[in-house]
């Protein structure tokens, strides 16, 4: 048992250090030797648990995806909350708001981490789609949503969001341009779900922290 615990701790340490290095330097720029130096262990010890750097990054992505998804599932399962509010809260929960999560999110939005960001968004999308589609079907029963294809609608909304708000595009937008893009995104999401106009406006919260963190100024 102690050996198993030690092994799990070693794996956790490798993921911790690798996540920090990927965030600081970018996945492509981080080498196995960087990870070896950061951990203070041999390359052989790392390869005992992971077969490659690609294997390590998948573990890093899995950790953060699991964290985001756990928060979303906790919100999604609270049936005491009205369905529209629960749907919005579930979407917002997929984007962590604690200091550690925000720091990681800021790193992921840097151009050098575009690959990691894309992988996390894709994994989250695959896992989140059935959760959100279930909300949509429940909302349809209550007259909140009206769409013939819940899964496809959610898939398009997530895909559109990943494409429209990728790191490089966001970095070039002024505050006014970002506001217009967010308004357009919410409008499209409402149409895809058959939701009342303005009912998903709270989703703008997803982009407020990014806007403030990047010091966007109106028209600049």
Protein backbone atom coordinates (compact mmCIF):
# COMPACT_ATOMS: atom_id res chain seq x y z
CA UNK A 1 0.00 0.00 0.00
CA UNK A 2 2.73 2.59 0.84
CA UNK A 3 4.36 1.87 -2.51
CA UNK A 4 1.08 2.54 -4.32
CA UNK A 5 0.61 5.79 -2.41
CA UNK A 6 4.16 6.85 -3.22
CA UNK A 7 3.56 6.06 -6.88
CA UNK A 8 0.38 8.14 -6.91
CA UNK A 9 2.19 11.02 -5.21
CA UNK A 10 4.99 10.85 -7.78
CA UNK A 11 2.48 10.97 -10.64
CA UNK A 12 0.76 13.93 -8.99
CA UNK A 13 4.09 15.73 -8.60
CA UNK A 14 4.96 15.14 -12.25
CA UNK A 15 1.60 16.57 -13.31
CA UNK A 16 2.00 19.55 -10.93
CA UNK A 17 5.42 20.52 -12.20
CA UNK A 18 4.60 19.84 -15.85
CA UNK A 19 1.41 21.94 -15.62
CA UNK A 20 3.40 24.85 -14.20
CA UNK A 21 6.06 24.57 -16.90
CA UNK A 22 3.51 24.21 -19.71
CA UNK A 23 1.73 27.30 -18.38
CA UNK A 24 4.89 29.37 -18.04
CA UNK A 25 6.80 28.30 -21.16
CA UNK A 26 4.16 26.78 -23.38
CA UNK A 27 3.77 23.11 -24.23
CA UNK A 28 5.97 23.16 -27.35
CA UNK A 29 8.79 25.03 -25.60
CA UNK A 30 8.85 22.77 -22.54
CA UNK A 31 11.25 19.84 -22.83
CA UNK A 32 11.43 16.62 -20.88
CA UNK A 33 14.74 17.93 -19.49
CA UNK A 34 12.88 20.99 -18.15
CA UNK A 35 10.49 18.65 -16.36
CA UNK A 36 13.38 16.54 -15.05
CA UNK A 37 15.08 19.67 -13.67
CA UNK A 38 11.85 20.96 -12.15
CA UNK A 39 11.18 17.68 -10.38
CA UNK A 40 14.73 16.87 -9.35
CA UNK A 41 14.31 13.25 -10.42
CA UNK A 42 15.75 11.13 -13.20
CA UNK A 43 14.28 10.90 -16.68
CA UNK A 44 13.86 7.17 -16.12
CA UNK A 45 11.70 7.82 -13.07
CA UNK A 46 9.40 10.02 -15.16
CA UNK A 47 9.21 7.51 -18.01
CA UNK A 48 8.33 4.82 -15.49
CA UNK A 49 4.95 6.55 -15.20
CA UNK A 50 4.59 8.36 -18.54
CA UNK A 51 5.71 7.17 -21.95
CA UNK A 52 6.23 10.65 -23.48
CA UNK A 53 5.68 14.38 -23.08
CA UNK A 54 2.43 13.93 -25.00
CA UNK A 55 1.33 11.41 -22.37
CA UNK A 56 2.11 13.94 -19.63
CA UNK A 57 0.16 16.75 -21.28
CA UNK A 58 -2.86 14.47 -21.64
CA UNK A 59 -2.70 13.87 -17.88
CA UNK A 60 -2.46 17.62 -17.24
CA UNK A 61 -5.43 18.26 -19.50
CA UNK A 62 -7.38 15.46 -17.84
CA UNK A 63 -6.82 16.97 -14.41
CA UNK A 64 -8.09 20.41 -15.37
CA UNK A 65 -10.95 19.05 -17.45
CA UNK A 66 -12.04 16.87 -14.52
CA UNK A 67 -11.97 19.89 -12.22
CA UNK A 68 -14.11 22.00 -14.54
CA UNK A 69 -16.52 19.14 -15.17
CA UNK A 70 -16.91 18.28 -11.48
CA UNK A 71 -18.03 21.83 -10.76
CA UNK A 72 -20.46 21.78 -13.67
CA UNK A 73 -21.96 18.44 -12.64
CA UNK A 74 -22.49 19.64 -9.07
CA UNK A 75 -24.48 22.60 -10.35
CA UNK A 76 -26.30 20.53 -12.97
CA UNK A 77 -27.55 18.06 -10.36
CA UNK A 78 -29.15 20.70 -8.16
CA UNK A 79 -32.74 20.26 -9.30
CA UNK A 80 -33.99 22.82 -6.76
CA UNK A 81 -32.72 25.53 -9.13
CA UNK A 82 -35.00 26.56 -12.06
CA UNK A 83 -33.89 24.98 -15.33
CA UNK A 84 -32.83 28.16 -17.15
CA UNK A 85 -30.78 29.36 -14.19
CA UNK A 86 -29.32 25.87 -13.82
CA UNK A 87 -28.38 25.73 -17.50
CA UNK A 88 -26.57 29.08 -17.32
CA UNK A 89 -24.86 28.18 -14.03
CA UNK A 90 -23.67 24.88 -15.49
CA UNK A 91 -22.10 26.64 -18.47
CA UNK A 92 -20.43 29.18 -16.17
CA UNK A 93 -19.17 26.39 -13.91
CA UNK A 94 -17.23 24.92 -16.83
CA UNK A 95 -14.95 27.95 -16.46
CA UNK A 96 -13.41 27.94 -12.97
CA UNK A 97 -13.42 31.19 -11.01
CA UNK A 98 -10.98 30.44 -8.16
CA UNK A 99 -7.53 32.07 -8.19
CA UNK A 100 -5.67 28.90 -9.25
CA UNK A 101 -8.10 28.20 -12.04
CA UNK A 102 -8.05 31.79 -13.26
CA UNK A 103 -4.26 31.81 -13.33
CA UNK A 104 -4.23 28.62 -15.37
CA UNK A 105 -6.93 29.99 -17.67
CA UNK A 106 -4.89 33.13 -18.30
CA UNK A 107 -1.88 30.98 -19.23
CA UNK A 108 -3.99 28.81 -21.51
CA UNK A 109 -5.19 31.86 -23.44
CA UNK A 110 -1.60 32.74 -24.37
CA UNK A 111 -0.73 31.93 -28.01
CA UNK A 112 2.03 29.48 -26.99
CA UNK A 113 -0.57 27.38 -25.21
CA UNK A 114 -3.13 27.30 -28.01
CA UNK A 115 -2.71 23.53 -28.44
CA UNK A 116 -3.40 22.79 -24.77
CA UNK A 117 -6.32 25.20 -24.76
CA UNK A 118 -7.82 23.51 -27.81
CA UNK A 119 -7.41 20.05 -26.30
CA UNK A 120 -9.04 21.06 -23.02
CA UNK A 121 -11.95 22.75 -24.79
CA UNK A 122 -12.48 19.69 -26.97
CA UNK A 123 -12.41 17.27 -24.04
CA UNK A 124 -14.72 19.49 -22.01
CA UNK A 125 -17.08 19.81 -24.94
CA UNK A 126 -17.34 16.05 -25.38
CA UNK A 127 -18.13 15.54 -21.68
CA UNK A 128 -20.32 18.61 -21.20
CA UNK A 129 -22.57 18.14 -24.24
CA UNK A 130 -24.75 15.34 -22.76
CA UNK A 131 -25.08 17.25 -19.46
CA UNK A 132 -26.21 20.45 -21.18
CA UNK A 133 -28.39 18.58 -23.68
CA UNK A 134 -30.23 17.00 -20.75
CA UNK A 135 -30.94 20.51 -19.46
CA UNK A 136 -32.20 21.53 -22.87
CA UNK A 137 -34.61 18.59 -23.03
CA UNK A 138 -35.88 19.43 -19.55
CA UNK A 139 -36.25 23.06 -20.62
CA UNK A 140 -38.21 21.98 -23.68
CA UNK A 141 -40.70 20.21 -21.44
CA UNK A 142 -41.15 23.47 -19.54
CA UNK A 143 -41.34 25.67 -22.61
CA UNK A 144 -38.00 27.39 -21.90
CA UNK A 145 -36.23 25.94 -24.95
CA UNK A 146 -37.51 24.84 -28.34
CA UNK A 147 -35.12 22.94 -30.57
CA UNK A 148 -35.52 19.66 -32.49
CA UNK A 149 -31.93 18.57 -31.85
CA UNK A 150 -30.63 19.32 -28.30
CA UNK A 151 -27.25 17.57 -28.67
CA UNK A 152 -26.54 19.12 -32.06
CA UNK A 153 -27.57 22.58 -30.81
CA UNK A 154 -25.23 22.34 -27.80
CA UNK A 155 -22.44 20.97 -30.00
CA UNK A 156 -22.76 23.91 -32.39
CA UNK A 157 -22.82 26.43 -29.54
CA UNK A 158 -19.68 24.98 -27.98
CA UNK A 159 -17.92 24.66 -31.33
CA UNK A 160 -18.81 28.21 -32.33
CA UNK A 161 -17.56 29.50 -28.99
CA UNK A 162 -14.24 27.65 -29.26
CA UNK A 163 -13.71 29.00 -32.76
CA UNK A 164 -14.88 32.58 -32.24
CA UNK A 165 -13.06 33.07 -28.94
CA UNK A 166 -9.71 31.38 -29.49
CA UNK A 167 -6.66 32.92 -27.82
CA UNK A 168 -5.22 34.74 -30.83
CA UNK A 169 -8.54 36.31 -31.84
CA UNK A 170 -9.31 37.46 -28.31
CA UNK A 171 -5.92 39.11 -27.95
CA UNK A 172 -6.53 41.36 -30.96
CA UNK A 173 -10.02 42.59 -30.02
CA UNK A 174 -10.85 45.95 -28.50
CA UNK A 175 -13.37 46.04 -25.69
CA UNK A 176 -16.09 47.21 -28.08
CA UNK A 177 -15.28 44.47 -30.56
CA UNK A 178 -15.32 41.84 -27.82
CA UNK A 179 -18.67 43.14 -26.56
CA UNK A 180 -20.15 42.91 -30.06
CA UNK A 181 -18.79 39.39 -30.54
CA UNK A 182 -20.19 38.25 -27.19
CA UNK A 183 -23.59 39.77 -27.99
CA UNK A 184 -23.60 37.96 -31.34
CA UNK A 185 -22.60 34.69 -29.69
CA UNK A 186 -25.40 34.89 -27.12
CA UNK A 187 -27.89 35.82 -29.85
CA UNK A 188 -26.86 32.74 -31.87
CA UNK A 189 -27.06 30.48 -28.79
CA UNK A 190 -30.58 31.69 -28.03
CA UNK A 191 -31.68 31.03 -31.61
CA UNK A 192 -30.15 27.55 -31.68
CA UNK A 193 -31.89 26.64 -28.42
CA UNK A 194 -35.15 28.40 -29.24
CA UNK A 195 -34.77 30.47 -26.06
CA UNK A 196 -36.39 33.82 -25.35
CA UNK A 197 -34.33 36.80 -26.48
CA UNK A 198 -32.13 38.05 -23.64
CA UNK A 199 -32.63 34.94 -21.51
CA UNK A 200 -28.96 33.89 -21.88
CA UNK A 201 -27.43 37.34 -21.35
CA UNK A 202 -25.76 36.11 -18.16
CA UNK A 203 -23.34 34.11 -20.32
CA UNK A 204 -21.51 37.41 -20.92
CA UNK A 205 -19.89 36.74 -17.52
CA UNK A 206 -17.67 34.21 -19.28
CA UNK A 207 -15.77 37.04 -20.93
CA UNK A 208 -15.83 39.80 -18.33
CA UNK A 209 -12.74 38.58 -16.48
CA UNK A 210 -10.79 38.22 -19.72
CA UNK A 211 -11.79 41.75 -20.74
CA UNK A 212 -10.67 43.22 -17.41
CA UNK A 213 -7.47 41.18 -17.22
CA UNK A 214 -6.36 42.37 -20.63
CA UNK A 215 -7.07 46.04 -19.92
CA UNK A 216 -9.24 46.53 -22.97
CA UNK A 217 -10.30 50.08 -23.57
CA UNK A 218 -13.33 51.12 -25.56
CA UNK A 219 -12.42 51.61 -29.20
CA UNK A 220 -8.70 50.92 -28.70
